[in-house]
Amino acid sequence: MARHPDLDGDPSNRTGLFAGAAVGLVICAVVGALGGYLLAGGGDPEPPFDAGRTTPTVEATEQSPRSTPSRTPSRRPSSTPPPIGQMILPDLVGKDFQRAREELRGLGLGVQFVFGSAGDDPSVASTNPRGGTAVKRGITVRVTVVGAAPEVVVPALAGESCKQAARRLVDDGLYPNYPTGERGEVRDQEPPGGTVLRWNDRVRLYCSDGPVSGATPTP
């Protein structure tokens, strides 16, 4: 067998060689132990998942509900529409009775006035039906006036058609009456034109669509 030259030489060389080998074995053992420790999870322990983190506040992650006052929309008084074919009667109290009549006639309603016993206050005291009531077109509204019936001068109507004369009387606040019918022209009237009456008084219209006789109509 061939022998290592250093082993056959000086004994001090052999001693140094053995010492170096021993040191190398120690270093290898230490390195191997350290590597195995690291592979086995040695070293500094892993920090927990939340180490070094700051717990987020509620305000940062979600909005807390704000306590805002509830706003309830103000309700306006509901106006119920009238039934089909009807209308809401306007409130006429306090208005001049002649303006009230124009308003009612514009709505296609008839008017009947009831005047007070004294005074000249032309304002409306009440109506029947009352304002705000659903009514049908064509009905007659009874209007009560505070003061007494005002004076009115009777127009001269002879020669006019009976219907036209009747409309003029109604516009002036008088009631026409037809003793001989409503057809033809006005042959005579009673009282005559120029007479002073009061609202709601009646005027007779003697109408005829035939030749005028010489006889004087009997009231």
N, C-alpha and C. Protein backbone atom coordinates (compact mmCIF):
# COMPACT_ATOMS: atom_id res chain seq x y z
N MET A 1 0.87 -1.17 0.00
CA MET A 1 0.00 0.00 0.00
C MET A 1 0.89 1.20 0.00
N ALA A 2 0.54 2.27 -0.80
CA ALA A 2 1.32 3.52 -0.80
C ALA A 2 1.00 4.32 0.43
N ARG A 3 1.90 4.94 1.05
CA ARG A 3 1.72 5.71 2.29
C ARG A 3 1.87 7.17 1.96
N HIS A 4 1.07 8.01 2.73
CA HIS A 4 1.12 9.47 2.55
C HIS A 4 2.48 9.96 2.93
N PRO A 5 3.14 10.76 2.17
CA PRO A 5 4.48 11.21 2.48
C PRO A 5 4.57 11.90 3.79
N ASP A 6 3.46 12.67 4.20
CA ASP A 6 3.54 13.41 5.46
C ASP A 6 3.52 12.46 6.62
N LEU A 7 2.92 11.27 6.51
CA LEU A 7 2.84 10.36 7.64
C LEU A 7 4.15 9.65 7.86
N ASP A 8 4.96 9.62 6.81
CA ASP A 8 6.24 8.95 6.97
C ASP A 8 7.32 9.90 7.44
N GLY A 9 7.06 11.18 7.46
CA GLY A 9 8.06 12.18 7.83
C GLY A 9 8.09 12.44 9.29
N ASP A 10 8.24 13.75 9.58
CA ASP A 10 8.40 14.23 10.96
C ASP A 10 7.12 14.02 11.74
N PRO A 11 7.26 13.55 13.00
CA PRO A 11 6.05 13.32 13.81
C PRO A 11 5.29 14.59 14.05
N SER A 12 5.93 15.79 14.11
CA SER A 12 5.22 17.05 14.34
C SER A 12 4.28 17.37 13.20
N ASN A 13 4.70 16.93 12.03
CA ASN A 13 3.82 17.17 10.87
C ASN A 13 2.57 16.35 11.00
N ARG A 14 2.73 15.11 11.48
CA ARG A 14 1.54 14.27 11.64
C ARG A 14 0.59 14.85 12.69
N THR A 15 1.20 15.40 13.76
CA THR A 15 0.34 15.98 14.82
C THR A 15 -0.43 17.16 14.28
N GLY A 16 0.22 18.02 13.50
CA GLY A 16 -0.49 19.19 12.92
C GLY A 16 -1.55 18.78 11.96
N LEU A 17 -1.26 17.71 11.24
CA LEU A 17 -2.26 17.25 10.28
C LEU A 17 -3.50 16.75 10.97
N PHE A 18 -3.29 15.99 12.06
CA PHE A 18 -4.46 15.49 12.80
C PHE A 18 -5.25 16.63 13.44
N ALA A 19 -4.51 17.64 13.93
CA ALA A 19 -5.19 18.77 14.57
C ALA A 19 -6.03 19.54 13.56
N GLY A 20 -5.48 19.74 12.33
CA GLY A 20 -6.26 20.45 11.30
C GLY A 20 -7.48 19.68 10.90
N ALA A 21 -7.30 18.33 10.83
CA ALA A 21 -8.46 17.53 10.47
C ALA A 21 -9.54 17.61 11.52
N ALA A 22 -9.14 17.61 12.79
CA ALA A 22 -10.12 17.70 13.88
C ALA A 22 -10.86 19.02 13.84
N VAL A 23 -10.10 20.10 13.58
CA VAL A 23 -10.78 21.43 13.50
C VAL A 23 -11.77 21.46 12.35
N GLY A 24 -11.37 20.85 11.22
CA GLY A 24 -12.29 20.82 10.08
C GLY A 24 -13.55 20.06 10.38
N LEU A 25 -13.37 18.92 11.14
CA LEU A 25 -14.55 18.16 11.49
C LEU A 25 -15.47 18.96 12.40
N VAL A 26 -14.88 19.71 13.33
CA VAL A 26 -15.71 20.52 14.24
C VAL A 26 -16.48 21.57 13.45
N ILE A 27 -15.78 22.23 12.50
CA ILE A 27 -16.45 23.30 11.72
C ILE A 27 -17.59 22.71 10.89
N CYS A 28 -17.29 21.53 10.30
CA CYS A 28 -18.36 20.90 9.49
C CYS A 28 -19.55 20.54 10.35
N ALA A 29 -19.25 20.08 11.59
CA ALA A 29 -20.35 19.72 12.48
C ALA A 29 -21.19 20.93 12.85
N VAL A 30 -20.49 22.05 13.11
CA VAL A 30 -21.23 23.28 13.50
C VAL A 30 -22.06 23.79 12.33
N VAL A 31 -21.44 23.78 11.13
CA VAL A 31 -22.19 24.27 9.95
C VAL A 31 -23.39 23.39 9.67
N GLY A 32 -23.16 22.04 9.79
CA GLY A 32 -24.28 21.14 9.55
C GLY A 32 -25.38 21.31 10.56
N ALA A 33 -24.99 21.51 11.83
CA ALA A 33 -26.02 21.71 12.85
C ALA A 33 -26.80 22.98 12.61
N LEU A 34 -26.07 24.06 12.24
CA LEU A 34 -26.75 25.35 11.99
C LEU A 34 -27.70 25.25 10.81
N GLY A 35 -27.23 24.56 9.74
CA GLY A 35 -28.12 24.41 8.57
C GLY A 35 -29.34 23.62 8.91
N GLY A 36 -29.16 22.54 9.68
CA GLY A 36 -30.35 21.77 10.06
C GLY A 36 -31.29 22.53 10.93
N TYR A 37 -30.76 23.40 11.80
CA TYR A 37 -31.63 24.20 12.66
C TYR A 37 -32.46 25.18 11.86
N LEU A 38 -31.74 25.81 10.87
CA LEU A 38 -32.48 26.77 10.05
C LEU A 38 -33.56 26.09 9.21
N LEU A 39 -33.20 24.89 8.67
CA LEU A 39 -34.19 24.17 7.87
C LEU A 39 -35.36 23.70 8.71
N ALA A 40 -35.10 23.44 9.98
CA ALA A 40 -36.17 22.96 10.86
C ALA A 40 -36.98 24.10 11.43
N GLY A 41 -36.79 25.33 10.97
CA GLY A 41 -37.59 26.47 11.46
C GLY A 41 -36.92 27.19 12.59
N GLY A 42 -35.62 27.05 12.72
CA GLY A 42 -34.94 27.75 13.78
C GLY A 42 -34.74 29.20 13.46
N GLY A 43 -33.93 29.87 14.19
CA GLY A 43 -33.72 31.29 14.02
C GLY A 43 -34.76 32.08 14.73
N ASP A 44 -34.92 33.30 14.31
CA ASP A 44 -35.93 34.18 14.94
C ASP A 44 -37.31 33.68 14.64
N PRO A 45 -38.17 33.60 15.65
CA PRO A 45 -39.55 33.13 15.40
C PRO A 45 -40.29 34.09 14.51
N GLU A 46 -41.16 33.52 13.62
CA GLU A 46 -41.94 34.38 12.71
C GLU A 46 -42.97 35.17 13.51
N PRO A 47 -43.03 36.49 13.28
CA PRO A 47 -43.98 37.30 14.04
C PRO A 47 -45.40 36.90 13.69
N PRO A 48 -46.30 37.07 14.63
CA PRO A 48 -47.71 36.77 14.33
C PRO A 48 -48.22 37.63 13.19
N PHE A 49 -49.35 37.18 12.56
CA PHE A 49 -49.82 37.83 11.34
C PHE A 49 -50.14 39.29 11.53
N ASP A 50 -50.48 39.68 12.78
CA ASP A 50 -50.85 41.07 12.98
C ASP A 50 -49.79 41.85 13.72
N ALA A 51 -48.56 41.30 13.82
CA ALA A 51 -47.52 42.02 14.54
C ALA A 51 -47.11 43.23 13.72
N GLY A 52 -46.94 44.35 14.40
CA GLY A 52 -46.55 45.58 13.73
C GLY A 52 -47.68 46.31 13.06
N ARG A 53 -48.91 45.72 13.02
CA ARG A 53 -50.06 46.40 12.41
C ARG A 53 -50.82 47.17 13.47
N THR A 54 -51.46 48.24 13.00
CA THR A 54 -52.36 48.98 13.89
C THR A 54 -53.79 48.62 13.55
N THR A 55 -54.54 48.30 14.55
CA THR A 55 -55.93 47.90 14.32
C THR A 55 -56.70 49.08 13.76
N PRO A 56 -57.27 48.93 12.56
CA PRO A 56 -57.98 50.08 11.97
C PRO A 56 -59.19 50.47 12.79
N THR A 57 -59.41 51.77 12.87
CA THR A 57 -60.57 52.26 13.61
C THR A 57 -61.82 52.06 12.78
N VAL A 58 -62.96 52.12 13.42
CA VAL A 58 -64.24 51.91 12.73
C VAL A 58 -64.44 52.97 11.67
N GLU A 59 -63.99 54.24 12.00
CA GLU A 59 -64.21 55.32 11.05
C GLU A 59 -63.44 55.10 9.77
N ALA A 60 -62.26 54.37 9.85
CA ALA A 60 -61.46 54.19 8.65
C ALA A 60 -61.98 53.11 7.75
N THR A 61 -62.70 52.14 8.27
CA THR A 61 -63.15 51.01 7.47
C THR A 61 -64.59 51.11 7.04
N GLU A 62 -65.43 51.73 7.83
CA GLU A 62 -66.84 51.82 7.46
C GLU A 62 -67.42 53.09 8.05
N GLN A 63 -68.39 53.63 7.36
CA GLN A 63 -69.03 54.85 7.82
C GLN A 63 -70.15 54.49 8.77
N SER A 64 -70.02 55.01 9.97
CA SER A 64 -71.09 54.78 10.93
C SER A 64 -72.28 55.63 10.54
N PRO A 65 -73.49 55.13 10.65
CA PRO A 65 -74.68 55.90 10.24
C PRO A 65 -74.81 57.18 11.03
N ARG A 66 -75.07 58.26 10.29
CA ARG A 66 -75.26 59.56 10.94
C ARG A 66 -76.70 59.71 11.37
N SER A 67 -76.86 60.30 12.51
CA SER A 67 -78.21 60.48 13.04
C SER A 67 -78.73 61.81 12.55
N THR A 68 -79.15 61.84 11.27
CA THR A 68 -79.71 63.05 10.70
C THR A 68 -81.20 63.06 10.93
N PRO A 69 -81.77 64.22 11.22
CA PRO A 69 -83.21 64.27 11.47
C PRO A 69 -83.99 63.91 10.22
N SER A 70 -85.01 63.10 10.40
CA SER A 70 -85.83 62.69 9.26
C SER A 70 -86.65 63.85 8.77
N ARG A 71 -86.66 64.02 7.46
CA ARG A 71 -87.41 65.11 6.85
C ARG A 71 -88.69 64.57 6.26
N THR A 72 -89.78 64.93 6.86
CA THR A 72 -91.08 64.51 6.36
C THR A 72 -91.64 65.61 5.49
N PRO A 73 -91.89 65.34 4.22
CA PRO A 73 -92.39 66.40 3.36
C PRO A 73 -93.71 66.94 3.86
N SER A 74 -93.83 68.28 3.84
CA SER A 74 -95.06 68.90 4.31
C SER A 74 -96.20 68.55 3.37
N ARG A 75 -97.29 68.21 3.95
CA ARG A 75 -98.45 67.82 3.15
C ARG A 75 -99.35 69.02 2.93
N ARG A 76 -99.58 69.26 1.68
CA ARG A 76 -100.54 70.31 1.35
C ARG A 76 -101.94 69.76 1.42
N PRO A 77 -102.86 70.61 1.77
CA PRO A 77 -104.24 70.12 1.83
C PRO A 77 -104.66 69.57 0.48
N SER A 78 -105.07 68.32 0.47
CA SER A 78 -105.44 67.67 -0.78
C SER A 78 -106.79 68.17 -1.25
N SER A 79 -106.85 68.52 -2.54
CA SER A 79 -108.11 68.97 -3.14
C SER A 79 -108.69 67.81 -3.93
N THR A 80 -109.74 67.22 -3.40
CA THR A 80 -110.36 66.09 -4.07
C THR A 80 -111.11 66.57 -5.30
N PRO A 81 -110.83 66.03 -6.46
CA PRO A 81 -111.53 66.48 -7.66
C PRO A 81 -113.01 66.14 -7.58
N PRO A 82 -113.86 66.98 -8.17
CA PRO A 82 -115.29 66.70 -8.13
C PRO A 82 -115.63 65.51 -8.99
N PRO A 83 -116.78 64.88 -8.77
CA PRO A 83 -117.22 63.77 -9.62
C PRO A 83 -117.35 64.21 -11.07
N ILE A 84 -117.32 63.25 -11.96
CA ILE A 84 -117.43 63.55 -13.39
C ILE A 84 -118.76 64.25 -13.66
N GLY A 85 -118.71 65.34 -14.43
CA GLY A 85 -119.91 66.09 -14.76
C GLY A 85 -120.28 67.13 -13.74
N GLN A 86 -119.44 67.32 -12.70
CA GLN A 86 -119.71 68.32 -11.68
C GLN A 86 -118.54 69.30 -11.56
N MET A 87 -118.73 70.34 -10.79
CA MET A 87 -117.71 71.35 -10.56
C MET A 87 -117.76 71.79 -9.10
N ILE A 88 -116.69 72.42 -8.66
CA ILE A 88 -116.63 72.93 -7.30
C ILE A 88 -117.15 74.35 -7.28
N LEU A 89 -118.17 74.62 -6.49
CA LEU A 89 -118.74 75.96 -6.40
C LEU A 89 -117.75 76.89 -5.72
N PRO A 90 -117.45 78.04 -6.31
CA PRO A 90 -116.50 78.96 -5.69
C PRO A 90 -117.08 79.62 -4.45
N ASP A 91 -116.21 80.09 -3.59
CA ASP A 91 -116.62 80.81 -2.38
C ASP A 91 -116.86 82.26 -2.75
N LEU A 92 -118.09 82.69 -2.63
CA LEU A 92 -118.48 84.04 -3.07
C LEU A 92 -118.78 84.97 -1.91
N VAL A 93 -118.67 84.51 -0.70
CA VAL A 93 -119.00 85.34 0.46
C VAL A 93 -118.07 86.55 0.50
N GLY A 94 -118.69 87.76 0.68
CA GLY A 94 -117.92 88.99 0.75
C GLY A 94 -117.78 89.70 -0.57
N LYS A 95 -118.09 89.03 -1.69
CA LYS A 95 -117.98 89.67 -2.99
C LYS A 95 -119.21 90.51 -3.29
N ASP A 96 -119.04 91.48 -4.19
CA ASP A 96 -120.18 92.24 -4.69
C ASP A 96 -121.13 91.27 -5.39
N PHE A 97 -122.43 91.40 -5.12
CA PHE A 97 -123.37 90.39 -5.62
C PHE A 97 -123.43 90.36 -7.14
N GLN A 98 -123.20 91.51 -7.80
CA GLN A 98 -123.24 91.51 -9.26
C GLN A 98 -122.02 90.79 -9.85
N ARG A 99 -120.88 90.95 -9.21
CA ARG A 99 -119.70 90.20 -9.67
C ARG A 99 -119.87 88.70 -9.39
N ALA A 100 -120.50 88.40 -8.27
CA ALA A 100 -120.78 86.99 -7.97
C ALA A 100 -121.70 86.40 -9.03
N ARG A 101 -122.68 87.17 -9.47
CA ARG A 101 -123.58 86.68 -10.50
C ARG A 101 -122.84 86.41 -11.81
N GLU A 102 -121.94 87.33 -12.18
CA GLU A 102 -121.17 87.11 -13.40
C GLU A 102 -120.33 85.83 -13.31
N GLU A 103 -119.76 85.60 -12.15
CA GLU A 103 -118.93 84.40 -11.98
C GLU A 103 -119.77 83.14 -12.08
N LEU A 104 -120.93 83.15 -11.47
CA LEU A 104 -121.80 81.97 -11.52
C LEU A 104 -122.33 81.73 -12.92
N ARG A 105 -122.72 82.78 -13.59
CA ARG A 105 -123.23 82.62 -14.95
C ARG A 105 -122.13 82.13 -15.89
N GLY A 106 -120.89 82.58 -15.65
CA GLY A 106 -119.78 82.09 -16.45
C GLY A 106 -119.55 80.60 -16.28
N LEU A 107 -119.96 80.05 -15.15
CA LEU A 107 -119.83 78.61 -14.90
C LEU A 107 -121.05 77.83 -15.39
N GLY A 108 -122.02 78.53 -15.99
CA GLY A 108 -123.22 77.85 -16.47
C GLY A 108 -124.22 77.58 -15.37
N LEU A 109 -124.23 78.39 -14.33
CA LEU A 109 -125.14 78.20 -13.19
C LEU A 109 -126.16 79.33 -13.15
N GLY A 110 -127.36 79.00 -12.70
CA GLY A 110 -128.38 80.00 -12.50
C GLY A 110 -128.20 80.69 -11.15
N VAL A 111 -128.84 81.87 -11.01
CA VAL A 111 -128.68 82.66 -9.78
C VAL A 111 -130.05 83.13 -9.30
N GLN A 112 -130.29 83.00 -8.02
CA GLN A 112 -131.48 83.55 -7.38
C GLN A 112 -131.02 84.37 -6.18
N PHE A 113 -131.37 85.69 -6.21
CA PHE A 113 -130.93 86.57 -5.14
C PHE A 113 -132.00 86.72 -4.07
N VAL A 114 -131.55 86.76 -2.84
CA VAL A 114 -132.40 87.07 -1.69
C VAL A 114 -131.74 88.26 -0.99
N PHE A 115 -132.45 89.38 -1.00
CA PHE A 115 -131.86 90.61 -0.44
C PHE A 115 -132.31 90.83 1.00
N GLY A 116 -131.51 91.64 1.69
CA GLY A 116 -131.87 92.01 3.05
C GLY A 116 -133.00 93.03 3.07
N SER A 117 -133.41 93.40 4.27
CA SER A 117 -134.56 94.30 4.40
C SER A 117 -134.16 95.77 4.40
N ALA A 118 -132.90 96.06 4.63
CA ALA A 118 -132.48 97.47 4.70
C ALA A 118 -130.98 97.56 4.40
N GLY A 119 -130.58 98.79 4.12
CA GLY A 119 -129.17 99.05 3.86
C GLY A 119 -128.82 98.89 2.40
N ASP A 120 -127.61 99.34 2.06
CA ASP A 120 -127.18 99.27 0.67
C ASP A 120 -125.88 98.47 0.51
N ASP A 121 -125.59 97.59 1.46
CA ASP A 121 -124.38 96.77 1.37
C ASP A 121 -124.58 95.71 0.28
N PRO A 122 -123.78 95.76 -0.81
CA PRO A 122 -123.99 94.82 -1.91
C PRO A 122 -123.24 93.50 -1.76
N SER A 123 -122.59 93.27 -0.62
CA SER A 123 -121.76 92.07 -0.48
C SER A 123 -122.60 90.83 -0.21
N VAL A 124 -122.07 89.69 -0.63
CA VAL A 124 -122.75 88.40 -0.47
C VAL A 124 -122.58 87.93 0.97
N ALA A 125 -123.69 87.57 1.60
CA ALA A 125 -123.65 87.07 2.98
C ALA A 125 -123.47 85.56 3.01
N SER A 126 -124.11 84.86 2.09
CA SER A 126 -124.01 83.39 2.05
C SER A 126 -124.54 82.90 0.72
N THR A 127 -124.24 81.62 0.45
CA THR A 127 -124.77 80.97 -0.75
C THR A 127 -125.29 79.59 -0.38
N ASN A 128 -126.23 79.14 -1.16
CA ASN A 128 -126.77 77.80 -0.98
C ASN A 128 -126.89 77.14 -2.37
N PRO A 129 -126.04 76.14 -2.63
CA PRO A 129 -125.04 75.46 -1.79
C PRO A 129 -123.89 76.39 -1.40
N ARG A 130 -123.16 75.97 -0.39
CA ARG A 130 -122.02 76.75 0.06
C ARG A 130 -120.82 76.57 -0.86
N GLY A 131 -119.91 77.51 -0.80
CA GLY A 131 -118.69 77.43 -1.58
C GLY A 131 -117.90 76.18 -1.22
N GLY A 132 -117.30 75.56 -2.24
CA GLY A 132 -116.56 74.33 -2.04
C GLY A 132 -117.37 73.07 -2.27
N THR A 133 -118.69 73.23 -2.50
CA THR A 133 -119.55 72.08 -2.75
C THR A 133 -119.50 71.68 -4.22
N ALA A 134 -119.52 70.39 -4.48
CA ALA A 134 -119.58 69.89 -5.85
C ALA A 134 -121.01 70.02 -6.37
N VAL A 135 -121.17 70.71 -7.48
CA VAL A 135 -122.51 70.94 -8.04
C VAL A 135 -122.50 70.61 -9.53
N LYS A 136 -123.70 70.38 -10.07
CA LYS A 136 -123.85 70.10 -11.49
C LYS A 136 -124.12 71.40 -12.24
N ARG A 137 -123.63 71.43 -13.47
CA ARG A 137 -123.89 72.60 -14.31
C ARG A 137 -125.39 72.74 -14.55
N GLY A 138 -125.87 73.98 -14.49
CA GLY A 138 -127.27 74.25 -14.76
C GLY A 138 -128.13 74.45 -13.52
N ILE A 139 -127.60 74.10 -12.33
CA ILE A 139 -128.41 74.30 -11.13
C ILE A 139 -128.50 75.79 -10.81
N THR A 140 -129.44 76.16 -9.97
CA THR A 140 -129.59 77.54 -9.54
C THR A 140 -129.02 77.70 -8.13
N VAL A 141 -128.13 78.66 -7.97
CA VAL A 141 -127.51 78.94 -6.68
C VAL A 141 -128.25 80.09 -6.02
N ARG A 142 -128.64 79.86 -4.79
CA ARG A 142 -129.33 80.91 -4.04
C ARG A 142 -128.31 81.77 -3.31
N VAL A 143 -128.30 83.07 -3.64
CA VAL A 143 -127.30 83.99 -3.10
C VAL A 143 -128.01 85.01 -2.20
N THR A 144 -127.60 85.06 -0.95
CA THR A 144 -128.18 86.01 0.01
C THR A 144 -127.26 87.23 0.10
N VAL A 145 -127.85 88.40 -0.09
CA VAL A 145 -127.11 89.66 -0.08
C VAL A 145 -127.38 90.38 1.24
N VAL A 146 -126.36 91.08 1.75
CA VAL A 146 -126.50 91.75 3.04
C VAL A 146 -127.53 92.87 2.97
N GLY A 147 -127.41 93.74 1.98
CA GLY A 147 -128.29 94.91 1.91
C GLY A 147 -129.58 94.65 1.16
N ALA A 148 -130.41 95.71 1.08
CA ALA A 148 -131.69 95.62 0.38
C ALA A 148 -131.46 95.64 -1.12
N ALA A 149 -132.50 95.25 -1.87
CA ALA A 149 -132.41 95.22 -3.33
C ALA A 149 -132.25 96.63 -3.88
N PRO A 150 -131.27 96.83 -4.75
CA PRO A 150 -131.08 98.18 -5.32
C PRO A 150 -132.14 98.50 -6.38
N GLU A 151 -132.26 99.78 -6.69
CA GLU A 151 -133.22 100.21 -7.70
C GLU A 151 -132.69 99.93 -9.10
N VAL A 152 -133.63 99.77 -10.03
CA VAL A 152 -133.29 99.54 -11.42
C VAL A 152 -134.37 100.18 -12.29
N VAL A 153 -133.97 100.76 -13.41
CA VAL A 153 -134.90 101.40 -14.33
C VAL A 153 -135.30 100.39 -15.40
N VAL A 154 -136.62 100.24 -15.63
CA VAL A 154 -137.12 99.28 -16.61
C VAL A 154 -136.83 99.80 -18.01
N PRO A 155 -136.22 98.96 -18.87
CA PRO A 155 -135.96 99.41 -20.25
C PRO A 155 -137.23 99.35 -21.10
N ALA A 156 -137.26 100.14 -22.16
CA ALA A 156 -138.35 100.09 -23.13
C ALA A 156 -138.06 98.95 -24.11
N LEU A 157 -139.01 98.00 -24.23
CA LEU A 157 -138.73 96.76 -24.94
C LEU A 157 -139.66 96.53 -26.13
N ALA A 158 -140.59 97.42 -26.42
CA ALA A 158 -141.53 97.21 -27.52
C ALA A 158 -140.79 97.10 -28.84
N GLY A 159 -141.16 96.11 -29.65
CA GLY A 159 -140.55 95.91 -30.96
C GLY A 159 -139.39 94.91 -30.93
N GLU A 160 -138.86 94.60 -29.78
CA GLU A 160 -137.79 93.60 -29.71
C GLU A 160 -138.38 92.19 -29.69
N SER A 161 -137.58 91.24 -30.07
CA SER A 161 -138.04 89.86 -29.96
C SER A 161 -138.26 89.53 -28.49
N CYS A 162 -139.19 88.65 -28.25
CA CYS A 162 -139.53 88.32 -26.87
C CYS A 162 -138.33 87.75 -26.13
N LYS A 163 -137.55 86.91 -26.78
CA LYS A 163 -136.39 86.32 -26.12
C LYS A 163 -135.33 87.35 -25.81
N GLN A 164 -135.07 88.26 -26.75
CA GLN A 164 -134.07 89.29 -26.52
C GLN A 164 -134.50 90.22 -25.39
N ALA A 165 -135.79 90.58 -25.36
CA ALA A 165 -136.30 91.45 -24.29
C ALA A 165 -136.16 90.77 -22.94
N ALA A 166 -136.44 89.47 -22.91
CA ALA A 166 -136.31 88.74 -21.65
C ALA A 166 -134.87 88.74 -21.16
N ARG A 167 -133.91 88.57 -22.09
CA ARG A 167 -132.51 88.58 -21.68
C ARG A 167 -132.11 89.94 -21.10
N ARG A 168 -132.61 91.01 -21.69
CA ARG A 168 -132.29 92.35 -21.17
C ARG A 168 -132.83 92.55 -19.76
N LEU A 169 -134.06 92.06 -19.54
CA LEU A 169 -134.63 92.19 -18.19
C LEU A 169 -133.82 91.41 -17.16
N VAL A 170 -133.43 90.20 -17.53
CA VAL A 170 -132.64 89.38 -16.60
C VAL A 170 -131.31 90.04 -16.30
N ASP A 171 -130.66 90.59 -17.33
CA ASP A 171 -129.37 91.26 -17.12
C ASP A 171 -129.50 92.45 -16.18
N ASP A 172 -130.67 93.10 -16.21
CA ASP A 172 -130.89 94.26 -15.34
C ASP A 172 -131.37 93.86 -13.95
N GLY A 173 -131.57 92.56 -13.71
CA GLY A 173 -131.98 92.10 -12.39
C GLY A 173 -133.48 91.97 -12.22
N LEU A 174 -134.21 91.96 -13.34
CA LEU A 174 -135.66 91.84 -13.29
C LEU A 174 -136.09 90.48 -13.84
N TYR A 175 -137.32 90.07 -13.47
CA TYR A 175 -137.86 88.80 -13.95
C TYR A 175 -138.92 89.07 -15.02
N PRO A 176 -138.78 88.43 -16.21
CA PRO A 176 -139.82 88.60 -17.23
C PRO A 176 -140.99 87.66 -16.98
N ASN A 177 -142.15 88.11 -17.38
CA ASN A 177 -143.35 87.29 -17.30
C ASN A 177 -144.06 87.38 -18.66
N TYR A 178 -144.65 86.24 -19.14
CA TYR A 178 -145.19 86.19 -20.50
C TYR A 178 -146.68 85.82 -20.46
N PRO A 179 -147.53 86.78 -20.32
CA PRO A 179 -148.97 86.46 -20.27
C PRO A 179 -149.51 85.88 -21.59
N THR A 180 -148.91 86.26 -22.72
CA THR A 180 -149.41 85.79 -24.01
C THR A 180 -148.43 84.85 -24.72
N GLY A 181 -147.48 84.35 -24.02
CA GLY A 181 -146.51 83.43 -24.62
C GLY A 181 -145.17 84.10 -24.87
N GLU A 182 -144.20 83.27 -25.24
CA GLU A 182 -142.82 83.76 -25.40
C GLU A 182 -142.41 83.91 -26.86
N ARG A 183 -143.31 83.72 -27.79
CA ARG A 183 -142.95 83.77 -29.19
C ARG A 183 -143.30 85.12 -29.79
N GLY A 184 -142.51 85.50 -30.84
CA GLY A 184 -142.80 86.75 -31.54
C GLY A 184 -142.09 87.94 -30.93
N GLU A 185 -142.68 89.13 -31.23
CA GLU A 185 -142.11 90.38 -30.73
C GLU A 185 -142.92 90.91 -29.57
N VAL A 186 -142.26 91.80 -28.83
CA VAL A 186 -142.93 92.46 -27.71
C VAL A 186 -143.85 93.54 -28.28
N ARG A 187 -145.15 93.35 -28.03
CA ARG A 187 -146.13 94.35 -28.48
C ARG A 187 -146.39 95.38 -27.40
N ASP A 188 -146.23 94.93 -26.18
CA ASP A 188 -146.46 95.85 -25.07
C ASP A 188 -145.76 95.29 -23.83
N GLN A 189 -145.65 96.15 -22.82
CA GLN A 189 -145.01 95.71 -21.58
C GLN A 189 -145.65 96.45 -20.42
N GLU A 190 -145.51 95.87 -19.28
CA GLU A 190 -146.08 96.47 -18.07
C GLU A 190 -145.22 96.12 -16.86
N PRO A 191 -144.69 97.11 -16.16
CA PRO A 191 -144.84 98.57 -16.38
C PRO A 191 -144.05 99.04 -17.61
N PRO A 192 -144.33 100.22 -18.05
CA PRO A 192 -143.67 100.74 -19.26
C PRO A 192 -142.21 101.07 -18.99
N GLY A 193 -141.48 101.27 -20.08
CA GLY A 193 -140.08 101.64 -19.95
C GLY A 193 -139.91 102.95 -19.20
N GLY A 194 -138.85 103.05 -18.42
CA GLY A 194 -138.58 104.25 -17.63
C GLY A 194 -139.06 104.14 -16.20
N THR A 195 -139.85 103.10 -15.88
CA THR A 195 -140.33 102.92 -14.52
C THR A 195 -139.18 102.44 -13.62
N VAL A 196 -139.18 102.96 -12.39
CA VAL A 196 -138.14 102.53 -11.44
C VAL A 196 -138.67 101.39 -10.58
N LEU A 197 -138.00 100.28 -10.67
CA LEU A 197 -138.34 99.12 -9.84
C LEU A 197 -137.10 98.74 -9.00
N ARG A 198 -137.17 97.60 -8.38
CA ARG A 198 -136.02 97.06 -7.63
C ARG A 198 -135.67 95.67 -8.16
N TRP A 199 -134.47 95.25 -7.90
CA TRP A 199 -134.04 93.91 -8.30
C TRP A 199 -135.08 92.87 -7.86
N ASN A 200 -135.28 91.90 -8.71
CA ASN A 200 -136.19 90.78 -8.50
C ASN A 200 -137.65 91.14 -8.78
N ASP A 201 -137.93 92.40 -9.12
CA ASP A 201 -139.31 92.72 -9.50
C ASP A 201 -139.60 92.13 -10.87
N ARG A 202 -140.91 91.97 -11.20
CA ARG A 202 -141.33 91.34 -12.45
C ARG A 202 -141.86 92.37 -13.43
N VAL A 203 -141.62 92.06 -14.73
CA VAL A 203 -142.12 92.89 -15.82
C VAL A 203 -142.87 91.98 -16.79
N ARG A 204 -144.12 92.37 -17.12
CA ARG A 204 -144.91 91.57 -18.05
C ARG A 204 -144.56 91.96 -19.49
N LEU A 205 -144.33 90.95 -20.30
CA LEU A 205 -144.04 91.15 -21.71
C LEU A 205 -145.18 90.52 -22.52
N TYR A 206 -145.86 91.34 -23.31
CA TYR A 206 -146.94 90.84 -24.15
C TYR A 206 -146.36 90.61 -25.54
N CYS A 207 -146.14 89.37 -25.83
CA CYS A 207 -145.48 89.01 -27.08
C CYS A 207 -146.49 88.38 -28.03
N SER A 208 -146.26 88.56 -29.34
CA SER A 208 -147.13 87.96 -30.34
C SER A 208 -146.37 87.86 -31.66
N ASP A 209 -146.62 86.76 -32.39
CA ASP A 209 -146.01 86.63 -33.71
C ASP A 209 -147.05 86.86 -34.81
N GLY A 210 -148.28 87.36 -34.43
CA GLY A 210 -149.34 87.67 -35.40
C GLY A 210 -149.58 89.18 -35.46
N PRO A 211 -150.58 89.57 -36.26
CA PRO A 211 -150.89 91.01 -36.37
C PRO A 211 -151.37 91.57 -35.04
N VAL A 212 -151.05 92.83 -34.81
CA VAL A 212 -151.40 93.48 -33.56
C VAL A 212 -152.86 93.92 -33.64
N SER A 213 -153.64 93.53 -32.64
CA SER A 213 -155.04 93.96 -32.56
C SER A 213 -155.09 95.29 -31.85
N GLY A 214 -156.19 95.94 -31.99
CA GLY A 214 -156.33 97.24 -31.34
C GLY A 214 -156.68 97.14 -29.89
N ALA A 215 -156.94 95.91 -29.44
CA ALA A 215 -157.35 95.79 -28.05
C ALA A 215 -156.17 95.95 -27.15
N THR A 216 -156.36 96.56 -26.02
CA THR A 216 -155.32 96.76 -25.01
C THR A 216 -155.22 95.51 -24.17
N PRO A 217 -154.04 94.95 -24.03
CA PRO A 217 -153.91 93.69 -23.23
C PRO A 217 -154.32 93.92 -21.80
N THR A 218 -155.01 92.91 -21.29
CA THR A 218 -155.44 92.99 -19.91
C THR A 218 -154.35 92.44 -19.00
N PRO A 219 -154.01 93.16 -17.94
CA PRO A 219 -152.96 92.67 -17.04
C PRO A 219 -153.38 91.37 -16.40
